[in-house]
C-alpha cells in the first residue's frame, strides 16, 4: 500500500527547472527556472544532423509548474 504525502501548499515547485507543461501535451519546459521568452523542451522534435530540434511554445499568463 502506498501513502500519498499531504502538503499544505497549493502546488510544489521543482527548483532549478521551469517544468511548465506544453498545452494539450505531456512535454514540459527543460529550461532553467525564471527564464524569459518562450518555453522549450530540448528532447523532442525532429532529428537534424544527429540532434533533436526541440519544441517551443509561448508563455501563458498565470502558469505554474504543477498544472
PDB file of N, CA and C in Angstrom:
ATOM      1  N   UNK A   1       0.846  -1.175   0.000  1.00  0.00           N
ATOM      2  CA  UNK A   1       0.000   0.000   0.000  1.00  0.00           C
ATOM      3  C   UNK A   1       0.890   1.237   0.000  1.00  0.00           C
ATOM      4  N   UNK A   2       0.555   2.196  -0.818  1.00  0.00           N
ATOM      5  CA  UNK A   2       1.329   3.436  -0.846  1.00  0.00           C
ATOM      6  C   UNK A   2       0.516   4.571  -0.228  1.00  0.00           C
ATOM      7  N   UNK A   3       1.188   5.410   0.497  1.00  0.00           N
ATOM      8  CA  UNK A   3       0.528   6.543   1.130  1.00  0.00           C
ATOM      9  C   UNK A   3       0.948   7.812   0.415  1.00  0.00           C
ATOM     10  N   UNK A   4       0.009   8.661   0.142  1.00  0.00           N
ATOM     11  CA  UNK A   4       0.305   9.921  -0.522  1.00  0.00           C
ATOM     12  C   UNK A   4       0.590  10.979   0.523  1.00  0.00           C
ATOM     13  N   UNK A   5       1.721  11.677   0.351  1.00  0.00           N
ATOM     14  CA  UNK A   5       2.069  12.734   1.291  1.00  0.00           C
ATOM     15  C   UNK A   5       1.144  13.915   1.092  1.00  0.00           C
ATOM     16  N   UNK A   6       0.714  14.499   2.184  1.00  0.00           N
ATOM     17  CA  UNK A   6      -0.142  15.678   2.105  1.00  0.00           C
ATOM     18  C   UNK A   6       0.715  16.913   2.300  1.00  0.00           C
ATOM     19  N   UNK A   7       0.385  17.953   1.561  1.00  0.00           N
ATOM     20  CA  UNK A   7       1.112  19.211   1.688  1.00  0.00           C
ATOM     21  C   UNK A   7       0.115  20.346   1.826  1.00  0.00           C
ATOM     22  N   UNK A   8       0.484  21.341   2.597  1.00  0.00           N
ATOM     23  CA  UNK A   8      -0.388  22.489   2.777  1.00  0.00           C
ATOM     24  C   UNK A   8      -0.246  23.482   1.626  1.00  0.00           C
ATOM     25  N   UNK A   9       0.781  23.318   0.820  1.00  0.00           N
ATOM     26  CA  UNK A   9       0.984  24.214  -0.310  1.00  0.00           C
ATOM     27  C   UNK A   9      -0.018  23.914  -1.413  1.00  0.00           C
ATOM     28  N   UNK A  10      -0.340  24.951  -2.170  1.00  0.00           N
ATOM     29  CA  UNK A  10      -1.253  24.773  -3.290  1.00  0.00           C
ATOM     30  C   UNK A  10      -0.591  24.013  -4.432  1.00  0.00           C
ATOM     31  N   UNK A  11       0.710  24.186  -4.576  1.00  0.00           N
ATOM     32  CA  UNK A  11       1.473  23.472  -5.595  1.00  0.00           C
ATOM     33  C   UNK A  11       2.909  23.316  -5.133  1.00  0.00           C
ATOM     34  N   UNK A  12       3.622  22.424  -5.787  1.00  0.00           N
ATOM     35  CA  UNK A  12       5.024  22.168  -5.453  1.00  0.00           C
ATOM     36  C   UNK A  12       5.880  22.570  -6.649  1.00  0.00           C
ATOM     37  N   UNK A  13       6.963  23.290  -6.408  1.00  0.00           N
ATOM     38  CA  UNK A  13       7.850  23.696  -7.485  1.00  0.00           C
ATOM     39  C   UNK A  13       9.134  22.886  -7.458  1.00  0.00           C
ATOM     40  N   UNK A  14       9.668  22.608  -8.633  1.00  0.00           N
ATOM     41  CA  UNK A  14      10.930  21.905  -8.764  1.00  0.00           C
ATOM     42  C   UNK A  14      12.010  22.968  -8.910  1.00  0.00           C
ATOM     43  N   UNK A  15      12.864  23.126  -7.929  1.00  0.00           N
ATOM     44  CA  UNK A  15      13.868  24.194  -8.003  1.00  0.00           C
ATOM     45  C   UNK A  15      14.855  23.968  -9.148  1.00  0.00           C
ATOM     46  N   UNK A  16      15.181  25.036  -9.845  1.00  0.00           N
ATOM     47  CA  UNK A  16      16.190  24.970 -10.890  1.00  0.00           C
ATOM     48  C   UNK A  16      15.677  24.660 -12.282  1.00  0.00           C
ATOM     49  N   UNK A  17      14.460  24.124 -12.413  1.00  0.00           N
ATOM     50  CA  UNK A  17      13.908  23.763 -13.726  1.00  0.00           C
ATOM     51  C   UNK A  17      12.538  24.415 -13.882  1.00  0.00           C
ATOM     52  N   UNK A  18      12.268  24.979 -15.045  1.00  0.00           N
ATOM     53  CA  UNK A  18      10.979  25.629 -15.300  1.00  0.00           C
ATOM     54  C   UNK A  18       9.833  24.616 -15.180  1.00  0.00           C
ATOM     55  N   UNK A  19       9.851  23.567 -15.961  1.00  0.00           N
ATOM     56  CA  UNK A  19       8.931  22.422 -15.892  1.00  0.00           C
ATOM     57  C   UNK A  19       7.464  22.745 -16.191  1.00  0.00           C
ATOM     58  N   UNK A  20       7.181  23.877 -16.857  1.00  0.00           N
ATOM     59  CA  UNK A  20       5.806  24.209 -17.248  1.00  0.00           C
ATOM     60  C   UNK A  20       5.391  23.292 -18.391  1.00  0.00           C
ATOM     61  N   UNK A  21       4.171  22.759 -18.304  1.00  0.00           N
ATOM     62  CA  UNK A  21       3.676  21.833 -19.329  1.00  0.00           C
ATOM     63  C   UNK A  21       3.228  22.572 -20.591  1.00  0.00           C
ATOM     64  N   UNK A  22       3.518  21.972 -21.750  1.00  0.00           N
ATOM     65  CA  UNK A  22       3.024  22.498 -23.018  1.00  0.00           C
ATOM     66  C   UNK A  22       1.518  22.232 -23.081  1.00  0.00           C
ATOM     67  N   UNK A  23       0.701  23.207 -23.518  1.00  0.00           N
ATOM     68  CA  UNK A  23      -0.751  22.997 -23.597  1.00  0.00           C
ATOM     69  C   UNK A  23      -1.105  21.767 -24.428  1.00  0.00           C
ATOM     70  N   UNK A  24      -2.040  20.984 -23.945  1.00  0.00           N
ATOM     71  CA  UNK A  24      -2.527  19.791 -24.642  1.00  0.00           C
ATOM     72  C   UNK A  24      -1.432  18.778 -24.919  1.00  0.00           C
ATOM     73  N   UNK A  25      -0.432  18.678 -24.056  1.00  0.00           N
ATOM     74  CA  UNK A  25       0.690  17.769 -24.267  1.00  0.00           C
ATOM     75  C   UNK A  25       1.246  17.309 -22.927  1.00  0.00           C
ATOM     76  N   UNK A  26       2.159  16.354 -22.978  1.00  0.00           N
ATOM     77  CA  UNK A  26       2.851  15.914 -21.773  1.00  0.00           C
ATOM     78  C   UNK A  26       4.250  16.501 -21.691  1.00  0.00           C
ATOM     79  N   UNK A  27       4.676  17.240 -22.739  1.00  0.00           N
ATOM     80  CA  UNK A  27       6.004  17.846 -22.732  1.00  0.00           C
ATOM     81  C   UNK A  27       6.089  18.950 -21.688  1.00  0.00           C
ATOM     82  N   UNK A  28       7.254  19.087 -21.068  1.00  0.00           N
ATOM     83  CA  UNK A  28       7.472  20.139 -20.067  1.00  0.00           C
ATOM     84  C   UNK A  28       8.739  20.900 -20.419  1.00  0.00           C
ATOM     85  N   UNK A  29       8.784  22.166 -20.053  1.00  0.00           N
ATOM     86  CA  UNK A  29       9.917  23.023 -20.358  1.00  0.00           C
ATOM     87  C   UNK A  29      11.160  22.549 -19.601  1.00  0.00           C
ATOM     88  N   UNK A  30      12.269  22.424 -20.325  1.00  0.00           N
ATOM     89  CA  UNK A  30      13.519  21.955 -19.729  1.00  0.00           C
ATOM     90  C   UNK A  30      14.515  23.097 -19.494  1.00  0.00           C
ATOM     91  N   UNK A  31      14.071  24.347 -19.672  1.00  0.00           N
ATOM     92  CA  UNK A  31      14.938  25.493 -19.399  1.00  0.00           C
ATOM     93  C   UNK A  31      15.047  25.727 -17.896  1.00  0.00           C
ATOM     94  N   UNK A  32      15.978  26.588 -17.495  1.00  0.00           N
ATOM     95  CA  UNK A  32      16.143  26.877 -16.073  1.00  0.00           C
ATOM     96  C   UNK A  32      14.962  27.706 -15.561  1.00  0.00           C
ATOM     97  N   UNK A  33      14.668  27.588 -14.294  1.00  0.00           N
ATOM     98  CA  UNK A  33      13.570  28.321 -13.675  1.00  0.00           C
ATOM     99  C   UNK A  33      13.807  29.820 -13.814  1.00  0.00           C
ATOM    100  N   UNK A  34      12.754  30.579 -14.058  1.00  0.00           N
ATOM    101  CA  UNK A  34      12.855  32.022 -14.166  1.00  0.00           C
ATOM    102  C   UNK A  34      13.361  32.523 -15.501  1.00  0.00           C
ATOM    103  N   UNK A  35      13.391  31.669 -16.527  1.00  0.00           N
ATOM    104  CA  UNK A  35      13.865  32.108 -17.848  1.00  0.00           C
ATOM    105  C   UNK A  35      12.876  33.088 -18.469  1.00  0.00           C
ATOM    106  N   UNK A  36      13.341  33.804 -19.478  1.00  0.00           N
ATOM    107  CA  UNK A  36      12.498  34.746 -20.208  1.00  0.00           C
ATOM    108  C   UNK A  36      12.178  34.186 -21.584  1.00  0.00           C
ATOM    109  N   UNK A  37      11.099  34.656 -22.176  1.00  0.00           N
ATOM    110  CA  UNK A  37      10.743  34.227 -23.524  1.00  0.00           C
ATOM    111  C   UNK A  37       9.982  32.910 -23.536  1.00  0.00           C
ATOM    112  N   UNK A  38      10.031  32.249 -24.680  1.00  0.00           N
ATOM    113  CA  UNK A  38       9.276  31.015 -24.880  1.00  0.00           C
ATOM    114  C   UNK A  38       9.793  29.869 -24.009  1.00  0.00           C
ATOM    115  N   UNK A  39       8.886  28.915 -23.778  1.00  0.00           N
ATOM    116  CA  UNK A  39       9.273  27.664 -23.127  1.00  0.00           C
ATOM    117  C   UNK A  39       9.883  26.757 -24.189  1.00  0.00           C
ATOM    118  N   UNK A  40      10.719  25.808 -23.757  1.00  0.00           N
ATOM    119  CA  UNK A  40      11.378  24.918 -24.721  1.00  0.00           C
ATOM    120  C   UNK A  40      11.627  23.552 -24.092  1.00  0.00           C
ATOM    121  N   UNK A  41      11.357  22.514 -24.882  1.00  0.00           N
ATOM    122  CA  UNK A  41      11.655  21.146 -24.499  1.00  0.00           C
ATOM    123  C   UNK A  41      12.699  20.646 -25.494  1.00  0.00           C
ATOM    124  N   UNK A  42      13.923  20.435 -25.020  1.00  0.00           N
ATOM    125  CA  UNK A  42      15.045  20.131 -25.910  1.00  0.00           C
ATOM    126  C   UNK A  42      15.080  18.676 -26.389  1.00  0.00           C
ATOM    127  N   UNK A  43      14.335  17.782 -25.787  1.00  0.00           N
ATOM    128  CA  UNK A  43      14.449  16.356 -26.097  1.00  0.00           C
ATOM    129  C   UNK A  43      13.313  15.854 -26.983  1.00  0.00           C
ATOM    130  N   UNK A  44      12.716  16.740 -27.763  1.00  0.00           N
ATOM    131  CA  UNK A  44      11.632  16.359 -28.668  1.00  0.00           C
ATOM    132  C   UNK A  44      11.889  16.996 -30.036  1.00  0.00           C
ATOM    133  N   UNK A  45      10.984  16.768 -30.960  1.00  0.00           N
ATOM    134  CA  UNK A  45      11.129  17.336 -32.300  1.00  0.00           C
ATOM    135  C   UNK A  45      11.882  16.397 -33.224  1.00  0.00           C
ATOM    136  N   UNK A  46      12.036  16.845 -34.455  1.00  0.00           N
ATOM    137  CA  UNK A  46      12.706  16.009 -35.458  1.00  0.00           C
ATOM    138  C   UNK A  46      14.220  16.012 -35.246  1.00  0.00           C
ATOM    139  N   UNK A  47      14.884  15.063 -35.886  1.00  0.00           N
ATOM    140  CA  UNK A  47      16.342  14.966 -35.783  1.00  0.00           C
ATOM    141  C   UNK A  47      16.969  15.619 -37.007  1.00  0.00           C
ATOM    142  N   UNK A  48      17.877  16.566 -36.760  1.00  0.00           N
ATOM    143  CA  UNK A  48      18.628  17.225 -37.829  1.00  0.00           C
ATOM    144  C   UNK A  48      20.109  17.137 -37.498  1.00  0.00           C
ATOM    145  N   UNK A  49      20.888  16.634 -38.411  1.00  0.00           N
ATOM    146  CA  UNK A  49      22.331  16.493 -38.215  1.00  0.00           C
ATOM    147  C   UNK A  49      22.674  15.736 -36.928  1.00  0.00           C
ATOM    148  N   UNK A  50      21.842  14.764 -36.592  1.00  0.00           N
ATOM    149  CA  UNK A  50      22.104  13.935 -35.419  1.00  0.00           C
ATOM    150  C   UNK A  50      21.624  14.518 -34.095  1.00  0.00           C
ATOM    151  N   UNK A  51      20.937  15.668 -34.132  1.00  0.00           N
ATOM    152  CA  UNK A  51      20.449  16.300 -32.904  1.00  0.00           C
ATOM    153  C   UNK A  51      18.958  16.575 -33.002  1.00  0.00           C
ATOM    154  N   UNK A  52      18.265  16.510 -31.868  1.00  0.00           N
ATOM    155  CA  UNK A  52      16.845  16.868 -31.820  1.00  0.00           C
ATOM    156  C   UNK A  52      16.709  18.380 -31.949  1.00  0.00           C
ATOM    157  N   UNK A  53      15.695  18.829 -32.689  1.00  0.00           N
ATOM    158  CA  UNK A  53      15.485  20.265 -32.868  1.00  0.00           C
ATOM    159  C   UNK A  53      14.775  20.897 -31.683  1.00  0.00           C
ATOM    160  N   UNK A  54      14.071  20.089 -30.900  1.00  0.00           N
ATOM    161  CA  UNK A  54      13.348  20.619 -29.749  1.00  0.00           C
ATOM    162  C   UNK A  54      11.989  21.163 -30.129  1.00  0.00           C
ATOM    163  N   UNK A  55      11.218  21.518 -29.137  1.00  0.00           N
ATOM    164  CA  UNK A  55       9.879  22.058 -29.317  1.00  0.00           C
ATOM    165  C   UNK A  55       9.774  23.296 -28.444  1.00  0.00           C
ATOM    166  N   UNK A  56       9.120  24.344 -28.943  1.00  0.00           N
ATOM    167  CA  UNK A  56       8.943  25.545 -28.129  1.00  0.00           C
ATOM    168  C   UNK A  56       7.490  25.999 -28.196  1.00  0.00           C
ATOM    169  N   UNK A  57       7.053  26.754 -27.201  1.00  0.00           N
ATOM    170  CA  UNK A  57       5.700  27.283 -27.144  1.00  0.00           C
ATOM    171  C   UNK A  57       5.712  28.569 -26.316  1.00  0.00           C
ATOM    172  N   UNK A  58       4.753  29.473 -26.557  1.00  0.00           N
ATOM    173  CA  UNK A  58       4.742  30.764 -25.863  1.00  0.00           C
ATOM    174  C   UNK A  58       4.314  30.642 -24.399  1.00  0.00           C
ATOM    175  N   UNK A  59       4.701  31.635 -23.623  1.00  0.00           N
ATOM    176  CA  UNK A  59       4.273  31.710 -22.217  1.00  0.00           C
ATOM    177  C   UNK A  59       2.789  32.058 -22.152  1.00  0.00           C
ATOM    178  N   UNK A  60       2.133  31.615 -21.086  1.00  0.00           N
ATOM    179  CA  UNK A  60       0.732  31.957 -20.827  1.00  0.00           C
ATOM    180  C   UNK A  60       0.670  32.657 -19.485  1.00  0.00           C
ATOM    181  N   UNK A  61      -0.297  33.515 -19.299  1.00  0.00           N
ATOM    182  CA  UNK A  61      -0.463  34.190 -18.007  1.00  0.00           C
ATOM    183  C   UNK A  61      -0.860  33.206 -16.922  1.00  0.00           C
ATOM    184  N   UNK A  62      -0.314  33.369 -15.737  1.00  0.00           N
ATOM    185  CA  UNK A  62      -0.699  32.554 -14.590  1.00  0.00           C
ATOM    186  C   UNK A  62      -0.166  31.132 -14.582  1.00  0.00           C
ATOM    187  N   UNK A  63       0.867  30.845 -15.321  1.00  0.00           N
ATOM    188  CA  UNK A  63       1.409  29.469 -15.373  1.00  0.00           C
ATOM    189  C   UNK A  63       2.065  29.086 -14.057  1.00  0.00           C
ATOM    190  N   UNK A  64       1.924  27.801 -13.711  1.00  0.00           N
ATOM    191  CA  UNK A  64       2.587  27.240 -12.542  1.00  0.00           C
ATOM    192  C   UNK A  64       3.068  25.838 -12.893  1.00  0.00           C
ATOM    193  N   UNK A  65       4.116  25.388 -12.233  1.00  0.00           N
ATOM    194  CA  UNK A  65       4.705  24.096 -12.563  1.00  0.00           C
ATOM    195  C   UNK A  65       3.724  22.934 -12.473  1.00  0.00           C
ATOM    196  N   UNK A  66       3.020  22.829 -11.401  1.00  0.00           N
ATOM    197  CA  UNK A  66       2.165  21.663 -11.184  1.00  0.00           C
ATOM    198  C   UNK A  66       0.776  21.891 -11.748  1.00  0.00           C
ATOM    199  N   UNK A  67       0.694  22.128 -13.030  1.00  0.00           N
ATOM    200  CA  UNK A  67      -0.607  22.378 -13.663  1.00  0.00           C
ATOM    201  C   UNK A  67      -1.297  21.092 -13.943  1.00  0.00           C
TER     202      UNK A  67
END
